[in-house]
Amino acid sequence: MARVELERVNKIYRGRGIEVHAVRDLSLTVEDGEFVAILGPSGCGKTSTLRMIVGLEDITSGEIRFDGERVNERGPEARNVAMAFETYALYPTFTVFENLAFPLEVRGLERARIEREVREIARLLEIENILDQKPGQLSGGQQQRVSLGRALVRDPAVFILDEVMSHIDAHLKFRMLFELKRLHQRIGRTMIYVTHDQIEALALADRVAVMSNAELQQFGDRDALYNRPANRFVADFIGEPATNFFTARIRREGEELLLPVEGTELVFRPDAERRKALERFSGNEVVVGIRPQNLTIEPVAESERIEAQVDIFEYLGEMAILALRSGSELFRALASPRQRMEPGTRLSLHYRREDVMLFDPASGVFLA
């Protein structure tokens, strides 16, 4: 196992007079045995970060350390890092056993030890019954397990997973998420998982590094990302359905601060913590964020109320999504699938004051 540190790491691609800053001043630490996900949209810099950790890309500036030792100049073979890819990268003419055994054969291990270690990995991944088959005979999920096994059998210090679920159907993906989490708990290796899928990242990782536009936006656990996002991007990217955002005026009525949304009937009331943040804030407008999960049709304890009408009722089986309209604003809430509603139905929606999030409209920074 290993502790992986990135300190002010930059990656700049240059060619034909063009300069692309793919990773900008990235600093983060993956603790020994920790499972960390690097999450973000396409082009955010997560794959370049992974390739620098592995040693497949040179670092423009900054430093990467494994257990305190600088590895910038070391090649992949000297870093003891194993990778599993989205494309599986299995040898099609080899059996599963031969695919798993190949990294050990390259190291020159004795046949008896190779046999023992391959069987142990196969038992761990529950693929003992397919060791004689070739990749073309396997399902996507089986091929993914073999790919994971071939990386694991090397006994790496750091285990890198690059979009390994992207070719798996939704039903199998949830099973594989469970199995991968269980696998990490059993082996306790340092794992870094790169993905664009927030569900995968939140389900698997101890902490998640959220990236956008070549920069780290926030590095934290599920609770911090969901309830205390560093900025509007994180609040929008984390959570499904996506967060509702409104631009509101800051208005004082007596002892109370109100946040009315122009062109609508919506007026939000912040709690004491958010009032303090607003009193420190110098602007006249603020961006209000509230998650669809925090807007309910049924009243909750100490809740406030807003009015809207149903635009679309989207039935999803175990839940329903309401697309709602108030004046010029469209937003969403969750509802029970049993509560069928026709377009135009007028509703009262309830929220708790502490579920209101506030952001600086200029910078997008989280205020409270």
Protein backbone atom coordinates (compact mmCIF):
# COMPACT_ATOMS: atom_id res chain seq x y z
CA MET A 1 0.00 0.00 0.00
CA ALA A 2 1.05 3.63 -0.37
CA ARG A 3 0.23 7.19 0.54
CA VAL A 4 -0.01 9.28 -2.64
CA GLU A 5 0.62 13.04 -2.53
CA LEU A 6 0.22 15.54 -5.35
CA GLU A 7 1.64 18.99 -4.62
CA ARG A 8 0.90 21.89 -7.00
CA VAL A 9 0.94 19.55 -9.99
CA ASN A 10 0.54 21.09 -13.45
CA LYS A 11 0.23 19.52 -16.88
CA ILE A 12 0.55 21.67 -19.99
CA TYR A 13 0.29 20.18 -23.47
CA ARG A 14 2.12 22.14 -26.18
CA GLY A 15 1.98 21.69 -29.92
CA ARG A 16 1.72 23.70 -33.14
CA GLY A 17 1.87 26.94 -31.22
CA ILE A 18 -1.05 25.93 -28.99
CA GLU A 19 -0.81 25.54 -25.23
CA VAL A 20 -3.43 23.63 -23.25
CA HIS A 21 -3.32 23.75 -19.45
CA ALA A 22 -4.89 20.35 -18.69
CA VAL A 23 -4.22 20.28 -14.93
CA ARG A 24 -3.66 23.44 -12.89
CA ASP A 25 -1.95 23.58 -9.46
CA LEU A 26 -3.50 20.32 -8.23
CA SER A 27 -2.77 19.41 -4.61
CA LEU A 28 -4.36 16.46 -2.84
CA THR A 29 -3.37 13.51 -0.66
CA VAL A 30 -4.67 9.96 -0.88
CA GLU A 31 -4.06 8.25 2.44
CA ASP A 32 -2.60 4.75 2.72
CA GLY A 33 -5.41 2.25 2.04
CA GLU A 34 -7.94 4.94 1.14
CA PHE A 35 -10.40 4.71 -1.75
CA VAL A 36 -10.49 8.08 -3.57
CA ALA A 37 -12.48 8.96 -6.68
CA ILE A 38 -11.47 11.69 -9.13
CA LEU A 39 -14.75 12.94 -10.58
CA GLY A 40 -15.60 15.43 -13.26
CA PRO A 41 -16.96 15.99 -16.77
CA SER A 42 -15.03 15.20 -19.96
CA GLY A 43 -12.02 17.47 -20.41
CA CYS A 44 -11.75 18.44 -16.74
CA GLY A 45 -8.23 17.01 -16.30
CA LYS A 46 -8.99 13.80 -14.42
CA THR A 47 -7.44 11.44 -17.00
CA SER A 48 -4.29 13.57 -17.28
CA THR A 49 -4.05 13.43 -13.47
CA LEU A 50 -4.35 9.65 -13.50
CA ARG A 51 -1.68 9.31 -16.20
CA MET A 52 0.72 11.50 -14.22
CA ILE A 53 0.19 9.40 -11.08
CA VAL A 54 0.91 6.22 -13.06
CA GLY A 55 3.92 7.74 -14.83
CA LEU A 56 2.48 7.62 -18.35
CA GLU A 57 2.64 11.42 -18.62
CA ASP A 58 5.49 13.75 -17.64
CA ILE A 59 4.67 16.42 -15.09
CA THR A 60 5.11 20.00 -16.30
CA SER A 61 5.66 21.23 -12.74
CA GLY A 62 4.92 20.18 -9.18
CA GLU A 63 5.66 16.96 -7.36
CA ILE A 64 4.12 13.51 -6.89
CA ARG A 65 5.22 11.43 -3.89
CA PHE A 66 4.56 7.81 -2.90
CA ASP A 67 5.08 7.31 0.84
CA GLY A 68 7.02 10.56 0.97
CA GLU A 69 9.39 9.69 -1.91
CA ARG A 70 9.37 11.79 -5.07
CA VAL A 71 8.45 9.71 -8.13
CA ASN A 72 8.38 12.39 -10.86
CA GLU A 73 11.30 10.86 -12.75
CA ARG A 74 10.29 7.21 -12.23
CA GLY A 75 8.62 5.27 -15.02
CA PRO A 76 5.43 3.23 -14.51
CA GLU A 77 7.37 0.01 -13.91
CA ALA A 78 9.21 1.60 -10.95
CA ARG A 79 6.08 2.97 -9.25
CA ASN A 80 4.37 -0.39 -8.57
CA VAL A 81 1.02 0.89 -9.85
CA ALA A 82 -1.55 -1.42 -11.42
CA MET A 83 -4.34 -0.24 -13.72
CA ALA A 84 -7.70 -1.55 -14.87
CA PHE A 85 -9.21 0.16 -17.91
CA GLU A 86 -12.69 0.68 -19.29
CA THR A 87 -11.71 -1.38 -22.35
CA TYR A 88 -10.62 -4.37 -20.18
CA ALA A 89 -7.39 -4.75 -22.29
CA LEU A 90 -7.42 -8.56 -22.07
CA TYR A 91 -5.42 -10.83 -24.38
CA PRO A 92 -8.10 -12.40 -26.59
CA THR A 93 -6.13 -15.59 -27.38
CA PHE A 94 -5.34 -16.28 -23.70
CA THR A 95 -7.64 -18.05 -21.29
CA VAL A 96 -8.74 -16.24 -18.14
CA PHE A 97 -6.10 -18.18 -16.20
CA GLU A 98 -3.42 -17.17 -18.69
CA ASN A 99 -4.49 -13.53 -18.59
CA LEU A 100 -4.21 -13.52 -14.81
CA ALA A 101 -0.94 -15.44 -14.81
CA PHE A 102 0.86 -13.33 -17.41
CA PRO A 103 1.99 -10.46 -15.08
CA LEU A 104 3.44 -13.08 -12.69
CA GLU A 105 5.19 -14.96 -15.48
CA VAL A 106 6.84 -11.71 -16.62
CA ARG A 107 8.23 -11.37 -13.08
CA GLY A 108 9.71 -14.87 -13.36
CA LEU A 109 7.80 -16.43 -10.48
CA GLU A 110 7.74 -20.20 -10.00
CA ARG A 111 4.84 -22.08 -11.56
CA ALA A 112 3.50 -23.31 -8.21
CA ARG A 113 3.37 -19.77 -6.83
CA ILE A 114 1.71 -18.48 -10.01
CA GLU A 115 -0.93 -21.20 -9.75
CA ARG A 116 -1.55 -20.38 -6.08
CA GLU A 117 -1.84 -16.61 -6.55
CA VAL A 118 -4.07 -16.85 -9.63
CA ARG A 119 -6.42 -19.23 -7.81
CA GLU A 120 -6.56 -16.87 -4.81
CA ILE A 121 -7.44 -13.85 -6.97
CA ALA A 122 -10.02 -15.91 -8.87
CA ARG A 123 -11.62 -16.98 -5.59
CA LEU A 124 -11.66 -13.37 -4.37
CA LEU A 125 -13.41 -12.20 -7.55
CA GLU A 126 -15.63 -15.30 -7.83
CA ILE A 127 -14.38 -16.24 -11.32
CA GLU A 128 -12.97 -19.68 -10.48
CA ASN A 129 -15.48 -21.38 -12.81
CA ILE A 130 -14.37 -19.46 -15.94
CA LEU A 131 -10.58 -19.84 -15.71
CA ASP A 132 -10.49 -22.08 -18.81
CA GLN A 133 -12.56 -19.71 -20.96
CA LYS A 134 -11.32 -16.97 -23.29
CA PRO A 135 -12.43 -13.30 -23.13
CA GLY A 136 -14.69 -13.64 -26.16
CA GLN A 137 -16.80 -16.19 -24.31
CA LEU A 138 -17.38 -13.92 -21.29
CA SER A 139 -20.00 -11.32 -20.42
CA GLY A 140 -18.99 -7.70 -19.90
CA GLY A 141 -19.14 -8.11 -16.13
CA GLN A 142 -16.94 -11.21 -16.23
CA GLN A 143 -14.40 -9.48 -18.46
CA GLN A 144 -14.33 -6.56 -16.02
CA ARG A 145 -13.59 -8.88 -13.12
CA VAL A 146 -10.76 -10.51 -15.06
CA SER A 147 -9.34 -7.07 -15.84
CA LEU A 148 -9.49 -6.19 -12.14
CA GLY A 149 -7.92 -9.53 -11.27
CA ARG A 150 -5.00 -9.04 -13.64
CA ALA A 151 -4.23 -5.73 -11.95
CA LEU A 152 -4.68 -7.12 -8.43
CA VAL A 153 -2.48 -10.16 -8.96
CA ARG A 154 0.54 -7.87 -9.35
CA ASP A 155 0.23 -6.89 -5.66
CA PRO A 156 0.51 -3.16 -6.45
CA ALA A 157 1.15 -0.34 -4.01
CA VAL A 158 -1.51 1.75 -5.75
CA PHE A 159 -4.47 0.43 -7.70
CA ILE A 160 -5.84 2.72 -10.46
CA LEU A 161 -9.30 2.22 -11.95
CA ASP A 162 -10.02 4.19 -15.14
CA GLU A 163 -13.75 4.42 -16.03
CA VAL A 164 -14.06 0.67 -15.45
CA MET A 165 -17.89 0.68 -15.35
CA SER A 166 -18.55 2.63 -18.54
CA HIS A 167 -19.26 -0.42 -20.73
CA ILE A 168 -21.45 -2.25 -18.22
CA ASP A 169 -25.25 -2.12 -18.30
CA ALA A 170 -27.08 -0.39 -15.44
CA HIS A 171 -28.24 -3.58 -13.69
CA LEU A 172 -24.77 -5.13 -13.66
CA LYS A 173 -23.16 -1.81 -12.72
CA PHE A 174 -24.91 -1.70 -9.34
CA ARG A 175 -23.79 -5.26 -8.62
CA MET A 176 -20.21 -4.43 -9.63
CA LEU A 177 -20.23 -1.31 -7.44
CA PHE A 178 -21.11 -3.49 -4.45
CA GLU A 179 -18.46 -6.05 -5.34
CA LEU A 180 -15.74 -3.44 -5.87
CA LYS A 181 -16.52 -1.80 -2.54
CA ARG A 182 -16.42 -5.17 -0.82
CA LEU A 183 -13.14 -5.98 -2.59
CA HIS A 184 -11.53 -2.79 -1.30
CA GLN A 185 -12.69 -3.53 2.24
CA ARG A 186 -11.14 -7.00 2.03
CA ILE A 187 -7.77 -6.11 0.51
CA GLY A 188 -7.32 -2.61 1.99
CA ARG A 189 -5.26 -1.32 -0.95
CA THR A 190 -4.87 2.34 -1.91
CA MET A 191 -7.32 2.80 -4.79
CA ILE A 192 -7.84 5.78 -7.10
CA TYR A 193 -10.96 5.61 -9.23
CA VAL A 194 -11.46 7.97 -12.19
CA THR A 195 -15.01 8.51 -13.41
CA HIS A 196 -17.48 11.03 -14.84
CA ASP A 197 -20.35 9.31 -13.01
CA GLN A 198 -21.17 10.88 -9.62
CA ILE A 199 -23.23 7.85 -8.54
CA GLU A 200 -20.20 5.58 -8.94
CA ALA A 201 -17.91 8.03 -7.15
CA LEU A 202 -20.21 8.57 -4.17
CA ALA A 203 -21.06 4.88 -3.84
CA LEU A 204 -17.45 3.71 -3.81
CA ALA A 205 -15.10 6.34 -2.49
CA ASP A 206 -14.13 7.39 1.01
CA ARG A 207 -13.47 10.85 -0.45
CA VAL A 208 -14.11 12.41 -3.84
CA ALA A 209 -11.97 14.98 -5.69
CA VAL A 210 -14.29 17.00 -7.95
CA MET A 211 -12.55 18.62 -10.93
CA SER A 212 -13.67 21.15 -13.54
CA ASN A 213 -11.76 23.23 -16.09
CA ALA A 214 -8.42 21.67 -15.11
CA GLU A 215 -8.79 22.63 -11.43
CA LEU A 216 -9.75 20.86 -8.22
CA GLN A 217 -13.08 22.30 -7.07
CA GLN A 218 -13.50 20.34 -3.83
CA PHE A 219 -12.02 17.28 -2.10
CA GLY A 220 -14.21 15.78 0.58
CA ASP A 221 -16.57 13.04 1.71
CA ARG A 222 -20.19 12.58 0.60
CA ASP A 223 -21.63 14.74 3.36
CA ALA A 224 -19.37 17.70 2.60
CA LEU A 225 -19.95 17.54 -1.15
CA TYR A 226 -23.71 17.21 -0.82
CA ASN A 227 -24.43 19.55 2.08
CA ARG A 228 -21.49 21.99 1.99
CA PRO A 229 -20.46 22.26 -1.67
CA ALA A 230 -17.51 24.59 -2.24
CA ASN A 231 -19.24 26.35 -5.12
CA ARG A 232 -22.16 26.28 -7.50
CA PHE A 233 -20.45 23.83 -9.87
CA VAL A 234 -20.11 21.19 -7.14
CA ALA A 235 -23.68 21.75 -5.95
CA ASP A 236 -24.91 21.28 -9.52
CA PHE A 237 -22.69 18.31 -10.37
CA ILE A 238 -23.32 16.34 -7.17
CA GLY A 239 -26.86 15.07 -6.66
CA GLU A 240 -29.55 13.62 -8.89
CA PRO A 241 -31.80 15.28 -9.98
CA ALA A 242 -29.62 18.37 -10.22
CA THR A 243 -29.96 21.27 -7.76
CA ASN A 244 -32.44 24.07 -8.50
CA PHE A 245 -30.89 27.55 -8.68
CA PHE A 246 -32.63 30.94 -8.51
CA THR A 247 -31.29 34.48 -8.52
CA ALA A 248 -32.94 36.32 -5.63
CA ARG A 249 -32.92 39.85 -4.25
CA ILE A 250 -31.94 40.36 -0.62
CA ARG A 251 -34.77 42.19 1.13
CA ARG A 252 -35.21 43.03 4.77
CA GLU A 253 -38.65 43.14 6.37
CA GLY A 254 -38.39 44.13 10.01
CA GLU A 255 -36.17 41.58 11.73
CA GLU A 256 -36.35 39.09 8.87
CA LEU A 257 -34.34 38.70 5.66
CA LEU A 258 -36.32 37.54 2.63
CA LEU A 259 -35.09 36.24 -0.72
CA PRO A 260 -37.73 36.93 -3.40
CA VAL A 261 -37.12 35.62 -6.94
CA GLU A 262 -38.02 38.25 -9.54
CA GLY A 263 -40.76 37.31 -11.98
CA THR A 264 -42.15 34.60 -9.71
CA GLU A 265 -44.16 34.04 -6.53
CA LEU A 266 -41.13 32.39 -4.92
CA VAL A 267 -39.82 33.85 -1.68
CA PHE A 268 -37.18 31.91 0.30
CA ARG A 269 -36.51 32.39 3.99
CA PRO A 270 -33.00 31.50 5.24
CA ASP A 271 -32.22 30.22 8.72
CA ALA A 272 -30.05 32.02 11.28
CA GLU A 273 -26.75 30.63 9.91
CA ARG A 274 -27.54 31.80 6.40
CA ARG A 275 -28.79 35.16 7.65
CA LYS A 276 -25.37 35.75 9.22
CA ALA A 277 -23.72 34.94 5.89
CA LEU A 278 -26.03 37.37 4.09
CA GLU A 279 -25.29 40.12 6.58
CA ARG A 280 -21.57 39.69 5.84
CA PHE A 281 -22.21 39.63 2.08
CA SER A 282 -21.91 42.97 0.29
CA GLY A 283 -24.09 42.26 -2.76
CA ASN A 284 -27.77 42.99 -3.35
CA GLU A 285 -28.49 39.67 -5.06
CA VAL A 286 -27.64 36.08 -4.19
CA VAL A 287 -28.05 32.71 -5.90
CA VAL A 288 -30.37 30.41 -3.96
CA GLY A 289 -29.87 26.68 -4.38
CA ILE A 290 -32.26 23.99 -3.16
CA ARG A 291 -32.22 20.31 -4.04
CA PRO A 292 -35.35 18.65 -5.50
CA GLN A 293 -35.17 16.14 -2.63
CA ASN A 294 -35.67 19.00 -0.18
CA LEU A 295 -38.91 20.23 -1.76
CA THR A 296 -41.82 18.12 -0.50
CA ILE A 297 -45.55 18.09 -1.10
CA GLU A 298 -46.20 16.94 2.45
CA PRO A 299 -45.43 19.45 5.22
CA VAL A 300 -42.37 18.73 7.36
CA ALA A 301 -41.55 19.98 10.84
CA GLU A 302 -40.82 23.73 10.96
CA SER A 303 -41.09 24.03 7.19
CA GLU A 304 -41.67 27.02 4.94
CA ARG A 305 -43.89 27.02 1.85
CA ILE A 306 -43.69 28.14 -1.76
CA GLU A 307 -46.34 27.93 -4.49
CA ALA A 308 -45.95 26.55 -8.02
CA GLN A 309 -47.84 24.66 -10.68
CA VAL A 310 -47.05 21.32 -12.31
CA ASP A 311 -45.56 21.54 -15.81
CA ILE A 312 -44.61 17.86 -16.29
CA PHE A 313 -45.14 14.75 -14.15
CA GLU A 314 -42.31 12.28 -14.90
CA TYR A 315 -43.03 8.78 -13.59
CA LEU A 316 -39.87 6.75 -12.83
CA GLY A 317 -41.31 3.75 -11.01
CA GLU A 318 -39.89 4.09 -7.50
CA MET A 319 -40.22 7.88 -7.59
CA ALA A 320 -41.58 10.71 -9.70
CA ILE A 321 -39.99 13.98 -10.74
CA LEU A 322 -42.17 17.08 -10.88
CA ALA A 323 -41.18 19.78 -13.33
CA LEU A 324 -42.68 22.91 -11.80
CA ARG A 325 -43.24 26.46 -12.92
CA SER A 326 -43.54 29.72 -11.04
CA GLY A 327 -43.69 32.73 -13.33
CA SER A 328 -40.55 32.70 -15.47
CA GLU A 329 -38.77 30.00 -13.45
CA LEU A 330 -38.77 26.23 -14.04
CA PHE A 331 -37.54 23.90 -11.29
CA ARG A 332 -37.93 20.34 -10.03
CA ALA A 333 -39.08 18.45 -6.96
CA LEU A 334 -39.51 14.78 -6.06
CA ALA A 335 -42.86 13.15 -5.32
CA SER A 336 -44.35 9.75 -4.64
CA PRO A 337 -45.22 7.93 -7.90
CA ARG A 338 -48.69 7.34 -6.42
CA GLN A 339 -49.36 11.09 -6.45
CA ARG A 340 -50.23 11.42 -10.15
CA MET A 341 -50.68 15.08 -11.11
CA GLU A 342 -51.93 16.69 -14.28
CA PRO A 343 -50.11 19.64 -15.89
CA GLY A 344 -51.47 22.90 -14.50
CA THR A 345 -52.13 21.47 -11.01
CA ARG A 346 -51.29 24.10 -8.41
CA LEU A 347 -49.20 22.94 -5.45
CA SER A 348 -47.80 24.08 -2.16
CA LEU A 349 -44.23 22.86 -1.71
CA HIS A 350 -42.49 22.72 1.64
CA TYR A 351 -38.83 23.14 2.56
CA ARG A 352 -36.77 23.64 5.68
CA ARG A 353 -34.85 26.88 6.05
CA GLU A 354 -31.59 25.03 6.70
CA ASP A 355 -31.87 23.30 3.30
CA VAL A 356 -31.50 26.61 1.45
CA MET A 357 -27.99 27.03 -0.01
CA LEU A 358 -26.55 30.45 -0.88
CA PHE A 359 -23.91 31.27 -3.51
CA ASP A 360 -22.13 34.41 -4.65
CA PRO A 361 -23.66 35.21 -8.07
CA ALA A 362 -20.34 36.54 -9.41
CA SER A 363 -17.86 33.87 -8.27
CA GLY A 364 -20.21 30.96 -7.59
CA VAL A 365 -18.58 30.46 -4.17
CA PHE A 366 -20.71 28.83 -1.45
CA LEU A 367 -21.72 31.36 1.21
CA ALA A 368 -23.73 29.16 3.57
